[in-house]
Amino acid sequence: MKRTLLALTLLAALPFAASAAEGVSYNYVEGGYAKTNTDSGDADGWAINGSGAIADNFHIFGGYSKQEIDNTNIDFDQWRVGLGYNHELNSRVDLLTRVAYEKFDAGQGLDFNGYSVEAGVRGALTPNFEGYALAGYEDYEKADGEFYGRLGAQVKFNQTWGINGDVKFIDGDTQFFVGPRVSF
């Protein structure tokens, strides 16, 4: 009985025993240029994002973006905060899953709450280059939910500094981000 209980305890802890893949950090802050291209108009502005590891396999993350729609005085705020789980698939690649609360606010009654879930892989392709590919689903109140794809890469100048780029494809719209990242 004791051996069975010990074996079951070790088996249950197995998914939580791994840490992040080598060369991948879940502790960072980044800021930079944000752009959204849609069929009805484009917008651009700035964004700040961050992540912090709270355990070997769990991290919290968040982001804020403020963009103005081209040729108008209309701007919108978009932010998200969530929890992520990373599991090392091999020494250079993590399986990444995330769930987040989302908020979109364009003022004048255009204020929506929602959520997103995403899963994919993130890995250090070389010591100075990291990439990720995620598939996700987001759903806001008063709107239909939509699937999306997200691709990103980081060029690392050293262990602390890098440039990150991210593109999200969702229902004909494209969202971009590029800016410096500080990892710690």
C-alpha atoms as a PDB file:
ATOM      1  CA  MET A   1       0.000   0.000   0.000  1.00  0.00           C
ATOM      2  CA  LYS A   2       2.792   2.430   0.926  1.00  0.00           C
ATOM      3  CA  ARG A   3       4.662   1.717  -2.322  1.00  0.00           C
ATOM      4  CA  THR A   4       1.513   2.283  -4.365  1.00  0.00           C
ATOM      5  CA  LEU A   5       0.835   5.590  -2.602  1.00  0.00           C
ATOM      6  CA  LEU A   6       4.452   6.700  -3.128  1.00  0.00           C
ATOM      7  CA  ALA A   7       4.333   5.730  -6.809  1.00  0.00           C
ATOM      8  CA  LEU A   8       1.052   7.593  -7.314  1.00  0.00           C
ATOM      9  CA  THR A   9       2.439  10.697  -5.546  1.00  0.00           C
ATOM     10  CA  LEU A  10       5.565  10.693  -7.742  1.00  0.00           C
ATOM     11  CA  LEU A  11       3.473  10.155 -10.860  1.00  0.00           C
ATOM     12  CA  ALA A  12       1.171  13.055  -9.940  1.00  0.00           C
ATOM     13  CA  ALA A  13       4.163  15.361  -9.334  1.00  0.00           C
ATOM     14  CA  LEU A  14       5.891  14.432 -12.619  1.00  0.00           C
ATOM     15  CA  PRO A  15       4.277  17.172 -14.764  1.00  0.00           C
ATOM     16  CA  PHE A  16       5.399  19.798 -12.227  1.00  0.00           C
ATOM     17  CA  ALA A  17       8.990  18.566 -11.892  1.00  0.00           C
ATOM     18  CA  ALA A  18      10.416  20.117 -15.049  1.00  0.00           C
ATOM     19  CA  SER A  19      11.500  23.716 -15.390  1.00  0.00           C
ATOM     20  CA  ALA A  20      11.834  26.040 -18.378  1.00  0.00           C
ATOM     21  CA  ALA A  21      13.860  24.914 -21.365  1.00  0.00           C
ATOM     22  CA  GLU A  22      17.474  26.051 -21.488  1.00  0.00           C
ATOM     23  CA  GLY A  23      17.781  29.598 -22.807  1.00  0.00           C
ATOM     24  CA  VAL A  24      14.086  30.459 -22.261  1.00  0.00           C
ATOM     25  CA  SER A  25      13.157  32.959 -19.540  1.00  0.00           C
ATOM     26  CA  TYR A  26       9.667  33.686 -18.250  1.00  0.00           C
ATOM     27  CA  ASN A  27      10.950  36.759 -16.350  1.00  0.00           C
ATOM     28  CA  TYR A  28      10.905  39.793 -18.637  1.00  0.00           C
ATOM     29  CA  VAL A  29       9.552  43.270 -19.343  1.00  0.00           C
ATOM     30  CA  GLU A  30       9.231  44.675 -22.866  1.00  0.00           C
ATOM     31  CA  GLY A  31       7.851  47.845 -24.392  1.00  0.00           C
ATOM     32  CA  GLY A  32       7.533  49.096 -27.914  1.00  0.00           C
ATOM     33  CA  TYR A  33       5.500  49.835 -31.004  1.00  0.00           C
ATOM     34  CA  ALA A  34       2.070  48.212 -31.528  1.00  0.00           C
ATOM     35  CA  LYS A  35       0.029  48.203 -34.753  1.00  0.00           C
ATOM     36  CA  THR A  36      -3.329  46.714 -35.748  1.00  0.00           C
ATOM     37  CA  ASN A  37      -4.389  46.246 -39.385  1.00  0.00           C
ATOM     38  CA  THR A  38      -8.088  45.598 -40.056  1.00  0.00           C
ATOM     39  CA  ASP A  39     -10.404  45.717 -43.059  1.00  0.00           C
ATOM     40  CA  SER A  40     -12.193  48.750 -41.588  1.00  0.00           C
ATOM     41  CA  GLY A  41      -9.090  50.740 -40.598  1.00  0.00           C
ATOM     42  CA  ASP A  42      -5.644  50.623 -39.090  1.00  0.00           C
ATOM     43  CA  ALA A  43      -4.367  51.762 -35.712  1.00  0.00           C
ATOM     44  CA  ASP A  44      -0.996  52.161 -34.061  1.00  0.00           C
ATOM     45  CA  GLY A  45       0.492  53.160 -30.746  1.00  0.00           C
ATOM     46  CA  TRP A  46       2.552  51.605 -27.982  1.00  0.00           C
ATOM     47  CA  ALA A  47       2.473  48.567 -25.725  1.00  0.00           C
ATOM     48  CA  ILE A  48       4.135  47.176 -22.629  1.00  0.00           C
ATOM     49  CA  ASN A  49       4.210  43.474 -21.716  1.00  0.00           C
ATOM     50  CA  GLY A  50       5.736  41.413 -18.956  1.00  0.00           C
ATOM     51  CA  SER A  51       5.979  37.996 -17.388  1.00  0.00           C
ATOM     52  CA  GLY A  52       7.224  36.622 -14.092  1.00  0.00           C
ATOM     53  CA  ALA A  53       7.900  33.051 -13.046  1.00  0.00           C
ATOM     54  CA  ILE A  54       6.090  32.152  -9.819  1.00  0.00           C
ATOM     55  CA  ALA A  55       7.270  28.504  -9.759  1.00  0.00           C
ATOM     56  CA  ASP A  56       9.398  26.260 -11.973  1.00  0.00           C
ATOM     57  CA  ASN A  57       6.535  25.655 -14.400  1.00  0.00           C
ATOM     58  CA  PHE A  58       4.119  28.531 -13.765  1.00  0.00           C
ATOM     59  CA  HIS A  59       4.268  32.197 -14.650  1.00  0.00           C
ATOM     60  CA  ILE A  60       1.991  35.196 -14.576  1.00  0.00           C
ATOM     61  CA  PHE A  61       1.894  37.562 -17.533  1.00  0.00           C
ATOM     62  CA  GLY A  62       0.223  40.733 -18.622  1.00  0.00           C
ATOM     63  CA  GLY A  63       0.181  43.422 -21.246  1.00  0.00           C
ATOM     64  CA  TYR A  64      -1.246  46.839 -22.029  1.00  0.00           C
ATOM     65  CA  SER A  65      -1.615  48.540 -25.414  1.00  0.00           C
ATOM     66  CA  LYS A  66      -2.867  52.026 -26.324  1.00  0.00           C
ATOM     67  CA  GLN A  67      -3.511  52.666 -30.022  1.00  0.00           C
ATOM     68  CA  GLU A  68      -5.159  55.415 -32.069  1.00  0.00           C
ATOM     69  CA  ILE A  69      -7.198  54.627 -35.177  1.00  0.00           C
ATOM     70  CA  ASP A  70      -5.640  56.265 -38.251  1.00  0.00           C
ATOM     71  CA  ASN A  71      -7.209  59.534 -39.454  1.00  0.00           C
ATOM     72  CA  THR A  72      -9.444  59.839 -36.350  1.00  0.00           C
ATOM     73  CA  ASN A  73      -9.246  61.041 -32.767  1.00  0.00           C
ATOM     74  CA  ILE A  74     -10.485  57.648 -31.546  1.00  0.00           C
ATOM     75  CA  ASP A  75      -8.147  55.577 -29.452  1.00  0.00           C
ATOM     76  CA  PHE A  76      -8.536  52.285 -27.637  1.00  0.00           C
ATOM     77  CA  ASP A  77      -6.925  50.517 -24.717  1.00  0.00           C
ATOM     78  CA  GLN A  78      -6.396  46.793 -24.668  1.00  0.00           C
ATOM     79  CA  TRP A  79      -5.008  44.791 -21.778  1.00  0.00           C
ATOM     80  CA  ARG A  80      -4.678  41.248 -20.552  1.00  0.00           C
ATOM     81  CA  VAL A  81      -3.513  39.450 -17.435  1.00  0.00           C
ATOM     82  CA  GLY A  82      -3.161  35.719 -17.019  1.00  0.00           C
ATOM     83  CA  LEU A  83      -1.496  32.555 -15.820  1.00  0.00           C
ATOM     84  CA  GLY A  84       0.773  30.338 -17.908  1.00  0.00           C
ATOM     85  CA  TYR A  85       2.126  26.812 -17.593  1.00  0.00           C
ATOM     86  CA  ASN A  86       5.335  25.684 -19.301  1.00  0.00           C
ATOM     87  CA  HIS A  87       6.531  22.094 -19.553  1.00  0.00           C
ATOM     88  CA  GLU A  88       9.949  21.205 -20.938  1.00  0.00           C
ATOM     89  CA  LEU A  89       9.601  18.963 -24.012  1.00  0.00           C
ATOM     90  CA  ASN A  90      13.367  18.780 -24.482  1.00  0.00           C
ATOM     91  CA  SER A  91      16.350  20.850 -23.340  1.00  0.00           C
ATOM     92  CA  ARG A  92      15.545  23.681 -25.824  1.00  0.00           C
ATOM     93  CA  VAL A  93      11.724  23.607 -26.247  1.00  0.00           C
ATOM     94  CA  ASP A  94       8.802  24.176 -23.875  1.00  0.00           C
ATOM     95  CA  LEU A  95       5.151  23.297 -24.298  1.00  0.00           C
ATOM     96  CA  LEU A  96       3.349  26.509 -23.340  1.00  0.00           C
ATOM     97  CA  THR A  97      -0.286  26.913 -22.271  1.00  0.00           C
ATOM     98  CA  ARG A  98      -1.903  30.152 -21.079  1.00  0.00           C
ATOM     99  CA  VAL A  99      -5.254  31.481 -19.916  1.00  0.00           C
ATOM    100  CA  ALA A 100      -5.970  35.223 -19.587  1.00  0.00           C
ATOM    101  CA  TYR A 101      -8.592  37.814 -18.760  1.00  0.00           C
ATOM    102  CA  GLU A 102      -8.874  40.297 -21.657  1.00  0.00           C
ATOM    103  CA  LYS A 103     -10.230  43.866 -21.741  1.00  0.00           C
ATOM    104  CA  PHE A 104     -10.921  46.146 -24.716  1.00  0.00           C
ATOM    105  CA  ASP A 105     -11.990  49.762 -24.107  1.00  0.00           C
ATOM    106  CA  ALA A 106     -12.602  52.309 -26.874  1.00  0.00           C
ATOM    107  CA  GLY A 107     -14.732  54.577 -24.699  1.00  0.00           C
ATOM    108  CA  GLN A 108     -18.252  55.753 -25.526  1.00  0.00           C
ATOM    109  CA  GLY A 109     -19.805  52.457 -24.470  1.00  0.00           C
ATOM    110  CA  LEU A 110     -17.385  50.260 -26.444  1.00  0.00           C
ATOM    111  CA  ASP A 111     -16.026  48.439 -23.411  1.00  0.00           C
ATOM    112  CA  PHE A 112     -15.732  44.634 -23.547  1.00  0.00           C
ATOM    113  CA  ASN A 113     -14.462  42.005 -21.114  1.00  0.00           C
ATOM    114  CA  GLY A 114     -13.357  38.578 -22.252  1.00  0.00           C
ATOM    115  CA  TYR A 115     -10.909  35.734 -21.920  1.00  0.00           C
ATOM    116  CA  SER A 116      -8.349  33.884 -24.017  1.00  0.00           C
ATOM    117  CA  VAL A 117      -6.676  30.486 -23.966  1.00  0.00           C
ATOM    118  CA  GLU A 118      -3.645  29.536 -26.031  1.00  0.00           C
ATOM    119  CA  ALA A 119      -1.206  26.665 -26.413  1.00  0.00           C
ATOM    120  CA  GLY A 120       1.921  26.057 -28.441  1.00  0.00           C
ATOM    121  CA  VAL A 121       5.687  25.795 -28.250  1.00  0.00           C
ATOM    122  CA  ARG A 122       8.453  28.194 -27.262  1.00  0.00           C
ATOM    123  CA  GLY A 123      12.122  27.465 -27.595  1.00  0.00           C
ATOM    124  CA  ALA A 124      15.677  28.692 -27.892  1.00  0.00           C
ATOM    125  CA  LEU A 125      16.585  27.896 -31.501  1.00  0.00           C
ATOM    126  CA  THR A 126      20.152  29.150 -30.968  1.00  0.00           C
ATOM    127  CA  PRO A 127      21.788  30.823 -27.947  1.00  0.00           C
ATOM    128  CA  ASN A 128      20.855  34.242 -29.437  1.00  0.00           C
ATOM    129  CA  PHE A 129      17.516  33.462 -31.100  1.00  0.00           C
ATOM    130  CA  GLU A 130      14.252  32.340 -29.527  1.00  0.00           C
ATOM    131  CA  GLY A 131      10.890  31.715 -31.176  1.00  0.00           C
ATOM    132  CA  TYR A 132       7.352  30.688 -30.392  1.00  0.00           C
ATOM    133  CA  ALA A 133       4.184  29.568 -32.175  1.00  0.00           C
ATOM    134  CA  LEU A 134       0.812  29.539 -30.419  1.00  0.00           C
ATOM    135  CA  ALA A 135      -2.771  28.753 -31.382  1.00  0.00           C
ATOM    136  CA  GLY A 136      -5.501  30.351 -29.317  1.00  0.00           C
ATOM    137  CA  TYR A 137      -9.114  31.250 -28.836  1.00  0.00           C
ATOM    138  CA  GLU A 138     -10.482  34.524 -27.476  1.00  0.00           C
ATOM    139  CA  ASP A 139     -14.026  35.444 -26.578  1.00  0.00           C
ATOM    140  CA  TYR A 140     -15.398  38.836 -25.594  1.00  0.00           C
ATOM    141  CA  GLU A 141     -18.871  39.579 -24.269  1.00  0.00           C
ATOM    142  CA  LYS A 142     -21.215  40.914 -26.985  1.00  0.00           C
ATOM    143  CA  ALA A 143     -19.025  39.352 -29.716  1.00  0.00           C
ATOM    144  CA  ASP A 144     -18.461  35.912 -31.187  1.00  0.00           C
ATOM    145  CA  GLY A 145     -15.356  34.027 -30.058  1.00  0.00           C
ATOM    146  CA  GLU A 146     -12.531  33.630 -32.567  1.00  0.00           C
ATOM    147  CA  PHE A 147      -9.525  31.394 -33.078  1.00  0.00           C
ATOM    148  CA  TYR A 148      -6.130  32.975 -33.717  1.00  0.00           C
ATOM    149  CA  GLY A 149      -2.499  32.192 -34.374  1.00  0.00           C
ATOM    150  CA  ARG A 150       0.473  33.977 -32.816  1.00  0.00           C
ATOM    151  CA  LEU A 151       4.111  33.873 -33.947  1.00  0.00           C
ATOM    152  CA  GLY A 152       7.018  35.575 -32.252  1.00  0.00           C
ATOM    153  CA  ALA A 153      10.779  35.753 -32.081  1.00  0.00           C
ATOM    154  CA  GLN A 154      13.448  37.361 -29.958  1.00  0.00           C
ATOM    155  CA  VAL A 155      16.980  38.236 -30.993  1.00  0.00           C
ATOM    156  CA  LYS A 156      19.137  38.249 -27.861  1.00  0.00           C
ATOM    157  CA  PHE A 157      22.110  40.603 -27.628  1.00  0.00           C
ATOM    158  CA  ASN A 158      23.107  39.071 -24.300  1.00  0.00           C
ATOM    159  CA  GLN A 159      21.400  37.288 -21.402  1.00  0.00           C
ATOM    160  CA  THR A 160      19.536  40.475 -20.399  1.00  0.00           C
ATOM    161  CA  TRP A 161      18.810  42.505 -23.558  1.00  0.00           C
ATOM    162  CA  GLY A 162      17.000  41.578 -26.745  1.00  0.00           C
ATOM    163  CA  ILE A 163      14.524  42.721 -29.391  1.00  0.00           C
ATOM    164  CA  ASN A 164      11.175  40.938 -29.491  1.00  0.00           C
ATOM    165  CA  GLY A 165       8.653  40.784 -32.321  1.00  0.00           C
ATOM    166  CA  ASP A 166       5.150  39.303 -32.228  1.00  0.00           C
ATOM    167  CA  VAL A 167       2.377  38.975 -34.808  1.00  0.00           C
ATOM    168  CA  LYS A 168      -1.186  37.763 -34.120  1.00  0.00           C
ATOM    169  CA  PHE A 169      -3.525  36.696 -36.942  1.00  0.00           C
ATOM    170  CA  ILE A 170      -7.222  36.751 -36.046  1.00  0.00           C
ATOM    171  CA  ASP A 171     -10.193  36.721 -38.469  1.00  0.00           C
ATOM    172  CA  GLY A 172      -8.549  38.819 -41.195  1.00  0.00           C
ATOM    173  CA  ASP A 173      -6.977  41.254 -38.712  1.00  0.00           C
ATOM    174  CA  THR A 174      -3.279  41.385 -37.950  1.00  0.00           C
ATOM    175  CA  GLN A 175      -1.731  42.732 -34.741  1.00  0.00           C
ATOM    176  CA  PHE A 176       1.994  43.500 -34.539  1.00  0.00           C
ATOM    177  CA  PHE A 177       4.406  44.309 -31.734  1.00  0.00           C
ATOM    178  CA  VAL A 178       8.143  45.068 -31.836  1.00  0.00           C
ATOM    179  CA  GLY A 179      10.363  46.423 -29.094  1.00  0.00           C
ATOM    180  CA  PRO A 180      13.236  45.872 -26.677  1.00  0.00           C
ATOM    181  CA  ARG A 181      12.987  43.187 -23.995  1.00  0.00           C
ATOM    182  CA  VAL A 182      14.778  43.066 -20.653  1.00  0.00           C
ATOM    183  CA  SER A 183      15.034  39.517 -19.251  1.00  0.00           C
ATOM    184  CA  PHE A 184      16.054  38.841 -15.668  1.00  0.00           C
END
